[in-house]
């Protein structure tokens, strides 16, 4: 169910299952990035690109890797982290006439890995003394986890937000029918 470390450790992480999307074809990569960043910012996630690798090409095309981190402080104790890893292979730029206009689009194979973490005590307030660390361990171990707070509130919300972001990317790439099976779960229509 929920994986985590020592409940008394600083910044206890509970990881979500990683979701992978694979796509091969012609697409607007800059548009995909723009839509995903707008979605994250509309939900008050702080976003940054921590890694960008550009590898020289072969006869099939070049290769790029990007690693994004989006963080949202839910309250003073809980933080959501969504990590997005893009890996593009055999990248070639192609010109396409779309709606009577010439556009430069990307032709490539792409993998997008979505993973998430719920981080407790991300600011380290409960690290000031040994007594505080013991209290944090008791709170995490006996209040949050057994009562289902972790799985029913924080873990579920972040997991379904991550799925919604993945589905947004799939919709943009026309990989599935329009719609979202969990649209009423989070009660947001943004």
Protein backbone atom coordinates (compact mmCIF):
# COMPACT_ATOMS: atom_id res chain seq x y z
CA UNK A 1 0.00 0.00 0.00
CA UNK A 2 2.09 2.93 1.26
CA UNK A 3 5.85 2.80 1.32
CA UNK A 4 7.82 5.00 3.65
CA UNK A 5 10.84 5.27 5.77
CA UNK A 6 11.34 5.58 9.48
CA UNK A 7 8.39 7.64 10.82
CA UNK A 8 10.73 9.51 13.15
CA UNK A 9 13.13 10.53 10.34
CA UNK A 10 13.32 14.04 8.89
CA UNK A 11 11.08 14.69 5.93
CA UNK A 12 9.43 11.27 5.88
CA UNK A 13 8.62 10.35 2.26
CA UNK A 14 5.72 8.16 1.19
CA UNK A 15 6.13 7.29 -2.48
CA UNK A 16 3.38 6.68 -4.99
CA UNK A 17 3.46 4.15 -7.79
CA UNK A 18 5.24 5.43 -10.91
CA UNK A 19 3.11 5.77 -14.03
CA UNK A 20 4.73 5.61 -17.48
CA UNK A 21 3.36 6.90 -20.79
CA UNK A 22 5.04 6.02 -24.09
CA UNK A 23 4.39 7.76 -27.38
CA UNK A 24 5.89 7.64 -30.85
CA UNK A 25 4.98 10.02 -33.62
CA UNK A 26 4.75 13.68 -34.59
CA UNK A 27 3.70 16.14 -31.86
CA UNK A 28 4.16 19.68 -30.57
CA UNK A 29 6.58 19.13 -27.69
CA UNK A 30 6.77 22.80 -26.70
CA UNK A 31 2.98 22.92 -26.58
CA UNK A 32 2.87 19.79 -24.42
CA UNK A 33 5.34 21.31 -21.97
CA UNK A 34 3.41 24.59 -21.88
CA UNK A 35 0.09 22.85 -21.15
CA UNK A 36 1.60 20.73 -18.38
CA UNK A 37 3.32 23.70 -16.69
CA UNK A 38 0.10 25.76 -16.86
CA UNK A 39 -1.83 22.87 -15.27
CA UNK A 40 0.72 22.60 -12.43
CA UNK A 41 0.74 26.34 -11.79
CA UNK A 42 -3.08 26.51 -11.81
CA UNK A 43 -3.01 24.02 -8.92
CA UNK A 44 -0.43 26.06 -6.98
CA UNK A 45 2.54 23.76 -7.59
CA UNK A 46 5.95 25.38 -7.58
CA UNK A 47 7.69 24.10 -10.69
CA UNK A 48 11.30 23.87 -11.83
CA UNK A 49 13.32 21.88 -14.31
CA UNK A 50 16.19 20.35 -12.37
CA UNK A 51 17.91 18.46 -15.20
CA UNK A 52 18.16 18.90 -18.94
CA UNK A 53 20.43 16.67 -21.05
CA UNK A 54 20.91 17.07 -24.77
CA UNK A 55 22.83 14.23 -26.38
CA UNK A 56 24.23 14.46 -29.90
CA UNK A 57 22.33 12.59 -32.51
CA UNK A 58 22.81 9.43 -34.44
CA UNK A 59 21.55 8.84 -37.96
CA UNK A 60 18.06 8.43 -36.43
CA UNK A 61 18.08 11.73 -34.51
CA UNK A 62 19.21 13.28 -31.26
CA UNK A 63 18.24 12.39 -27.69
CA UNK A 64 17.00 14.58 -24.82
CA UNK A 65 16.23 13.99 -21.16
CA UNK A 66 14.40 16.36 -18.81
CA UNK A 67 13.56 16.04 -15.16
CA UNK A 68 10.90 18.30 -13.64
CA UNK A 69 9.98 18.70 -10.00
CA UNK A 70 6.69 20.25 -8.92
CA UNK A 71 6.12 20.93 -5.22
CA UNK A 72 3.09 22.14 -3.33
CA UNK A 73 2.96 22.88 0.37
CA UNK A 74 -0.40 21.56 1.55
CA UNK A 75 0.09 22.94 5.05
CA UNK A 76 3.01 23.54 7.39
CA UNK A 77 3.56 19.80 7.83
CA UNK A 78 2.71 18.13 4.49
CA UNK A 79 4.18 18.70 1.03
CA UNK A 80 3.25 17.13 -2.31
CA UNK A 81 6.00 16.38 -4.84
CA UNK A 82 5.29 15.35 -8.43
CA UNK A 83 8.35 14.34 -10.41
CA UNK A 84 8.15 14.14 -14.19
CA UNK A 85 10.89 12.59 -16.30
CA UNK A 86 10.87 13.02 -20.09
CA UNK A 87 13.08 10.87 -22.31
CA UNK A 88 12.93 11.58 -26.02
CA UNK A 89 14.69 9.38 -28.59
CA UNK A 90 15.32 9.83 -32.31
CA UNK A 91 14.27 13.50 -32.33
CA UNK A 92 13.85 15.16 -35.70
CA UNK A 93 12.14 18.47 -36.41
CA UNK A 94 9.62 18.30 -39.26
CA UNK A 95 7.58 20.98 -40.99
CA UNK A 96 3.87 20.30 -41.19
CA UNK A 97 1.08 22.34 -42.73
CA UNK A 98 -1.65 22.56 -40.11
CA UNK A 99 -4.73 24.76 -40.61
CA UNK A 100 -3.06 26.39 -43.61
CA UNK A 101 0.05 27.37 -41.62
CA UNK A 102 3.53 25.88 -41.60
CA UNK A 103 4.51 24.60 -38.16
CA UNK A 104 7.66 22.98 -36.86
CA UNK A 105 6.76 19.89 -34.89
CA UNK A 106 8.79 17.17 -33.22
CA UNK A 107 8.99 13.65 -34.57
CA UNK A 108 10.30 11.33 -31.85
CA UNK A 109 9.79 8.43 -29.52
CA UNK A 110 9.00 9.63 -26.01
CA UNK A 111 8.60 8.24 -22.52
CA UNK A 112 7.11 10.30 -19.70
CA UNK A 113 7.50 8.94 -16.16
CA UNK A 114 5.22 10.41 -13.48
CA UNK A 115 5.99 9.73 -9.84
CA UNK A 116 4.89 11.38 -6.63
CA UNK A 117 5.76 11.63 -2.98
CA UNK A 118 3.99 12.88 0.11
CA UNK A 119 6.58 14.44 2.42
CA UNK A 120 5.82 14.96 6.11
CA UNK A 121 7.72 17.57 8.15
CA UNK A 122 9.35 18.92 5.01
CA UNK A 123 10.54 22.04 6.89
CA UNK A 124 12.22 20.05 9.65
CA UNK A 125 10.38 21.79 12.51
CA UNK A 126 10.30 18.55 14.45
CA UNK A 127 14.08 18.12 14.32
CA UNK A 128 14.95 20.68 16.98
CA UNK A 129 15.40 18.21 19.82
CA UNK A 130 15.22 14.54 20.58
CA UNK A 131 11.85 15.09 22.29
CA UNK A 132 10.42 16.70 19.12
CA UNK A 133 11.67 13.80 16.99
CA UNK A 134 9.95 11.31 19.32
CA UNK A 135 6.69 13.30 19.14
CA UNK A 136 6.92 13.41 15.34
CA UNK A 137 7.46 9.65 15.23
CA UNK A 138 4.42 9.06 17.45
CA UNK A 139 2.29 11.43 15.36
CA UNK A 140 3.33 9.85 12.05
CA UNK A 141 3.15 6.26 13.25
CA UNK A 142 0.06 6.25 15.45
CA UNK A 143 -2.10 9.16 14.27
CA UNK A 144 -1.57 9.61 10.52
CA UNK A 145 -0.99 6.07 9.27
CA UNK A 146 -3.37 3.91 11.35
CA UNK A 147 -6.29 6.33 11.12
CA UNK A 148 -6.12 6.28 7.32
CA UNK A 149 -5.32 9.98 7.05
CA UNK A 150 -2.29 9.27 4.91
CA UNK A 151 -4.07 7.05 2.42
CA UNK A 152 -7.50 8.65 2.42
CA UNK A 153 -6.52 12.29 2.21
CA UNK A 154 -2.94 13.03 1.23
CA UNK A 155 -1.90 9.93 -0.69
CA UNK A 156 -5.15 9.63 -2.69
CA UNK A 157 -5.34 13.30 -3.58
CA UNK A 158 -1.78 13.41 -4.87
CA UNK A 159 -2.15 10.13 -6.75
CA UNK A 160 -5.29 11.28 -8.57
CA UNK A 161 -3.77 14.66 -9.35
CA UNK A 162 -0.79 12.85 -10.85
CA UNK A 163 -3.13 10.65 -12.92
CA UNK A 164 -4.99 13.74 -14.09
CA UNK A 165 -1.73 15.33 -15.24
CA UNK A 166 -0.83 12.13 -17.07
CA UNK A 167 -4.25 12.11 -18.74
CA UNK A 168 -3.82 15.74 -19.72
CA UNK A 169 -0.61 14.79 -21.54
CA UNK A 170 -2.36 11.84 -23.20
CA UNK A 171 -5.24 14.07 -24.31
CA UNK A 172 -2.80 16.58 -25.75
CA UNK A 173 -1.09 13.81 -27.72
CA UNK A 174 -4.49 12.38 -28.81
CA UNK A 175 -3.68 9.03 -27.22
CA UNK A 176 -7.12 8.40 -25.75
CA UNK A 177 -10.70 9.52 -25.84
CA UNK A 178 -11.60 12.83 -24.28
CA UNK A 179 -12.61 12.66 -20.66
CA UNK A 180 -11.24 11.63 -17.33
CA UNK A 181 -12.53 8.71 -15.31
CA UNK A 182 -11.79 10.35 -11.94
CA UNK A 183 -13.03 13.84 -12.83
CA UNK A 184 -15.48 14.08 -9.94
CA UNK A 185 -13.10 12.68 -7.34
CA UNK A 186 -11.09 15.88 -6.78
CA UNK A 187 -14.02 18.26 -7.34
CA UNK A 188 -12.00 20.66 -9.47
CA UNK A 189 -12.76 21.55 -13.05
CA UNK A 190 -9.64 23.54 -13.78
